[in-house]
């Protein structure tokens, strides 16, 4: 029965780790989207100036 406790604890740790990793990835993706929007705006402004 002790082995089952360790197995459940290991699964819980793995799931917490995966959820934390996904949270970090989602935050990084949000940051990249923000930067991409800023770059698109800069490109649009440059195109308007050169027209």
Protein backbone atom coordinates (compact mmCIF):
# COMPACT_ATOMS: atom_id res chain seq x y z
CA UNK A 1 0.00 0.00 0.00
CA UNK A 2 2.95 2.32 0.61
CA UNK A 3 3.97 2.02 -3.04
CA UNK A 4 0.53 3.19 -4.15
CA UNK A 5 0.88 6.32 -2.02
CA UNK A 6 4.19 7.14 -3.70
CA UNK A 7 2.67 6.50 -7.12
CA UNK A 8 -0.22 8.89 -6.46
CA UNK A 9 2.20 11.50 -5.09
CA UNK A 10 4.41 11.14 -8.16
CA UNK A 11 1.45 11.58 -10.51
CA UNK A 12 0.33 14.66 -8.56
CA UNK A 13 3.81 16.17 -8.77
CA UNK A 14 3.98 15.50 -12.51
CA UNK A 15 0.57 17.11 -13.10
CA UNK A 16 1.48 20.17 -11.03
CA UNK A 17 4.71 20.46 -13.00
CA UNK A 18 2.91 20.17 -16.33
CA UNK A 19 0.34 22.78 -15.35
CA UNK A 20 3.07 25.15 -14.19
CA UNK A 21 4.93 24.63 -17.47
CA UNK A 22 1.78 25.32 -19.48
CA UNK A 23 1.19 28.47 -17.45
CA UNK A 24 4.69 29.72 -18.22
CA UNK A 25 4.28 28.92 -21.92
CA UNK A 26 0.95 30.74 -22.03
CA UNK A 27 2.52 33.84 -20.45
CA UNK A 28 5.36 33.78 -22.96
CA UNK A 29 2.92 33.41 -25.85
CA UNK A 30 0.96 36.40 -24.54
CA UNK A 31 4.17 38.43 -24.46
CA UNK A 32 5.07 37.41 -28.00
CA UNK A 33 1.60 38.37 -29.23
CA UNK A 34 1.98 41.78 -27.60
CA UNK A 35 5.37 42.29 -29.24
CA UNK A 36 4.01 41.13 -32.60
CA UNK A 37 1.17 43.65 -32.38
CA UNK A 38 3.70 46.40 -31.65
CA UNK A 39 5.85 45.38 -34.62
CA UNK A 40 2.81 45.28 -36.90
CA UNK A 41 1.91 48.80 -35.77
CA UNK A 42 5.45 50.03 -36.47
CA UNK A 43 5.41 48.46 -39.93
CA UNK A 44 2.04 50.05 -40.65
CA UNK A 45 3.34 53.45 -39.55
CA UNK A 46 6.45 53.08 -41.73
CA UNK A 47 4.33 52.12 -44.73
CA UNK A 48 2.11 55.16 -44.21
CA UNK A 49 5.14 57.46 -44.03
CA UNK A 50 6.65 56.08 -47.22
CA UNK A 51 3.38 56.36 -49.16
